[in-house]
Amino acid sequence: MLTLQRFTRRCHLVSVTDAILAHAGRPFPVEPIRTLDAIHLATAEALGDPPALLTIITRDLRVRDNATALGHPVE
């Protein structure tokens, strides 16, 4: 339970704005990219210039390749 509490303290909700949706609609370094993946990556980019205090955690190779190409640390 302590691990889950620690994890939730590190999570933040970010509203998906019109600017994020517009950013998600632009071309990405590795295409094709799925809509929700594009929204997630556009939201990460809206939080600050890489390498912000943000790590993209994924098992999806397209997300991993795009996040890496955009300069985000990936696990």
C-alpha atoms as a PDB file:
ATOM      1  CA  MET A   1       0.000   0.000   0.000  1.00  0.00           C
ATOM      2  CA  LEU A   2       2.873   2.374   0.752  1.00  0.00           C
ATOM      3  CA  THR A   3       4.190   1.982  -2.797  1.00  0.00           C
ATOM      4  CA  LEU A   4       0.790   2.879  -4.257  1.00  0.00           C
ATOM      5  CA  GLN A   5       0.522   5.954  -2.030  1.00  0.00           C
ATOM      6  CA  ARG A   6       3.991   7.078  -3.078  1.00  0.00           C
ATOM      7  CA  PHE A   7       3.063   6.548  -6.724  1.00  0.00           C
ATOM      8  CA  THR A   8      -0.184   8.549  -6.494  1.00  0.00           C
ATOM      9  CA  ARG A   9       1.659  11.473  -4.871  1.00  0.00           C
ATOM     10  CA  ARG A  10       3.876  11.602  -7.962  1.00  0.00           C
ATOM     11  CA  CYS A  11       0.960  11.651 -10.412  1.00  0.00           C
ATOM     12  CA  HIS A  12      -0.614  14.835 -11.717  1.00  0.00           C
ATOM     13  CA  LEU A  13      -3.719  15.353 -13.809  1.00  0.00           C
ATOM     14  CA  VAL A  14      -3.287  17.563 -16.841  1.00  0.00           C
ATOM     15  CA  SER A  15      -6.261  18.966 -18.719  1.00  0.00           C
ATOM     16  CA  VAL A  16      -6.310  18.251 -22.426  1.00  0.00           C
ATOM     17  CA  THR A  17      -6.614  21.722 -23.936  1.00  0.00           C
ATOM     18  CA  ASP A  18      -7.339  22.811 -27.489  1.00  0.00           C
ATOM     19  CA  ALA A  19      -3.639  23.640 -27.845  1.00  0.00           C
ATOM     20  CA  ILE A  20      -2.665  20.092 -26.848  1.00  0.00           C
ATOM     21  CA  LEU A  21      -5.182  18.627 -29.301  1.00  0.00           C
ATOM     22  CA  ALA A  22      -3.832  20.859 -32.067  1.00  0.00           C
ATOM     23  CA  HIS A  23      -0.282  19.786 -31.190  1.00  0.00           C
ATOM     24  CA  ALA A  24      -1.354  16.134 -31.251  1.00  0.00           C
ATOM     25  CA  GLY A  25      -2.621  16.615 -34.812  1.00  0.00           C
ATOM     26  CA  ARG A  26       0.771  17.560 -36.201  1.00  0.00           C
ATOM     27  CA  PRO A  27       3.119  15.013 -37.769  1.00  0.00           C
ATOM     28  CA  PHE A  28       5.261  12.975 -35.389  1.00  0.00           C
ATOM     29  CA  PRO A  29       8.775  11.666 -36.058  1.00  0.00           C
ATOM     30  CA  VAL A  30       7.537   8.052 -36.325  1.00  0.00           C
ATOM     31  CA  GLU A  31       4.283   7.522 -38.186  1.00  0.00           C
ATOM     32  CA  PRO A  32       1.697   6.166 -37.981  1.00  0.00           C
ATOM     33  CA  ILE A  33       0.874   7.134 -34.400  1.00  0.00           C
ATOM     34  CA  ARG A  34      -2.433   6.383 -32.723  1.00  0.00           C
ATOM     35  CA  THR A  35      -4.633   9.279 -31.602  1.00  0.00           C
ATOM     36  CA  LEU A  36      -4.406   8.667 -27.853  1.00  0.00           C
ATOM     37  CA  ASP A  37      -0.654   8.144 -28.075  1.00  0.00           C
ATOM     38  CA  ALA A  38      -0.329  11.480 -29.906  1.00  0.00           C
ATOM     39  CA  ILE A  39      -2.403  13.177 -27.188  1.00  0.00           C
ATOM     40  CA  HIS A  40      -0.238  11.660 -24.453  1.00  0.00           C
ATOM     41  CA  LEU A  41       2.994  12.779 -26.129  1.00  0.00           C
ATOM     42  CA  ALA A  42       1.623  16.247 -26.913  1.00  0.00           C
ATOM     43  CA  THR A  43       0.608  16.591 -23.274  1.00  0.00           C
ATOM     44  CA  ALA A  44       4.094  15.570 -22.147  1.00  0.00           C
ATOM     45  CA  GLU A  45       5.578  18.181 -24.464  1.00  0.00           C
ATOM     46  CA  ALA A  46       3.235  20.843 -23.064  1.00  0.00           C
ATOM     47  CA  LEU A  47       4.693  20.269 -19.598  1.00  0.00           C
ATOM     48  CA  GLY A  48       8.070  21.678 -20.593  1.00  0.00           C
ATOM     49  CA  ASP A  49      11.108  21.285 -22.737  1.00  0.00           C
ATOM     50  CA  PRO A  50      12.719  17.856 -22.604  1.00  0.00           C
ATOM     51  CA  PRO A  51      14.245  16.593 -20.499  1.00  0.00           C
ATOM     52  CA  ALA A  52      11.634  17.867 -18.088  1.00  0.00           C
ATOM     53  CA  LEU A  53      11.160  16.008 -14.848  1.00  0.00           C
ATOM     54  CA  LEU A  54       9.096  13.523 -16.771  1.00  0.00           C
ATOM     55  CA  THR A  55       9.821  10.026 -17.985  1.00  0.00           C
ATOM     56  CA  ILE A  56       7.657   8.314 -20.590  1.00  0.00           C
ATOM     57  CA  ILE A  57       6.898   4.771 -19.437  1.00  0.00           C
ATOM     58  CA  THR A  58       5.643   2.540 -22.219  1.00  0.00           C
ATOM     59  CA  ARG A  59       5.802  -0.898 -23.717  1.00  0.00           C
ATOM     60  CA  ASP A  60       4.677   0.376 -27.121  1.00  0.00           C
ATOM     61  CA  LEU A  61       7.525   0.689 -29.626  1.00  0.00           C
ATOM     62  CA  ARG A  62       5.885   3.543 -31.572  1.00  0.00           C
ATOM     63  CA  VAL A  63       5.425   5.580 -28.398  1.00  0.00           C
ATOM     64  CA  ARG A  64       8.973   4.739 -27.320  1.00  0.00           C
ATOM     65  CA  ASP A  65      10.448   5.738 -30.696  1.00  0.00           C
ATOM     66  CA  ASN A  66       8.477   8.994 -30.840  1.00  0.00           C
ATOM     67  CA  ALA A  67       9.245   9.948 -27.239  1.00  0.00           C
ATOM     68  CA  THR A  68      12.939   9.260 -27.800  1.00  0.00           C
ATOM     69  CA  ALA A  69      12.936  11.293 -31.031  1.00  0.00           C
ATOM     70  CA  LEU A  70      11.274  14.163 -29.152  1.00  0.00           C
ATOM     71  CA  GLY A  71      13.992  14.065 -26.491  1.00  0.00           C
ATOM     72  CA  HIS A  72      12.072  12.484 -23.593  1.00  0.00           C
ATOM     73  CA  PRO A  73      13.627   9.891 -21.323  1.00  0.00           C
ATOM     74  CA  VAL A  74      11.858   6.556 -21.798  1.00  0.00           C
ATOM     75  CA  GLU A  75      11.557   3.457 -19.653  1.00  0.00           C
END
